[in-house]
Amino acid sequence: MIFVVAEELIPEAKRGSPDKAVMSLMVGFAVMMTLDVALG
């Protein structure tokens, strides 16, 4: 799901370094989920 969003809905992710953009998106999602669980 995250990959689909990065590749289809965020066209800027395809410019420059797509791998870096996708990894940044995944790290951001992981941080958001961690904070959601930690803060309840």
Protein backbone atom coordinates (compact mmCIF):
# COMPACT_ATOMS: atom_id res chain seq x y z
CA MET A 1 0.00 0.00 0.00
CA ILE A 2 2.78 2.43 0.92
CA PHE A 3 4.63 1.57 -2.28
CA VAL A 4 1.52 2.26 -4.36
CA VAL A 5 1.08 5.67 -2.73
CA ALA A 6 4.74 6.55 -3.25
CA GLU A 7 4.79 5.45 -6.88
CA GLU A 8 1.35 6.54 -8.10
CA LEU A 9 0.09 9.40 -5.96
CA ILE A 10 3.35 11.20 -5.29
CA PRO A 11 4.94 11.84 -8.69
CA GLU A 12 7.86 13.70 -7.09
CA ALA A 13 9.00 10.37 -5.64
CA LYS A 14 9.91 9.25 -9.14
CA ARG A 15 12.31 12.15 -9.70
CA GLY A 16 15.81 12.14 -8.29
CA SER A 17 16.21 9.04 -6.14
CA PRO A 18 13.00 6.97 -6.01
CA ASP A 19 14.51 4.45 -3.60
CA LYS A 20 15.38 7.20 -1.13
CA ALA A 21 11.89 8.68 -1.38
CA VAL A 22 10.22 5.31 -0.78
CA MET A 23 12.49 4.51 2.16
CA SER A 24 11.81 7.93 3.70
CA LEU A 25 8.08 7.34 3.35
CA MET A 26 8.37 3.92 5.02
CA VAL A 27 10.46 5.30 7.89
CA GLY A 28 7.95 8.11 8.40
CA PHE A 29 5.09 5.61 8.44
CA ALA A 30 6.94 3.42 10.97
CA VAL A 31 7.56 6.43 13.24
CA MET A 32 3.90 7.46 12.99
CA MET A 33 2.72 3.96 13.91
CA THR A 34 5.21 3.74 16.81
CA LEU A 35 3.99 7.05 18.21
CA ASP A 36 0.38 5.96 17.76
CA VAL A 37 0.98 2.81 19.80
CA ALA A 38 3.17 4.54 22.40
CA LEU A 39 0.81 7.44 23.02
CA GLY A 40 -2.35 5.38 22.79
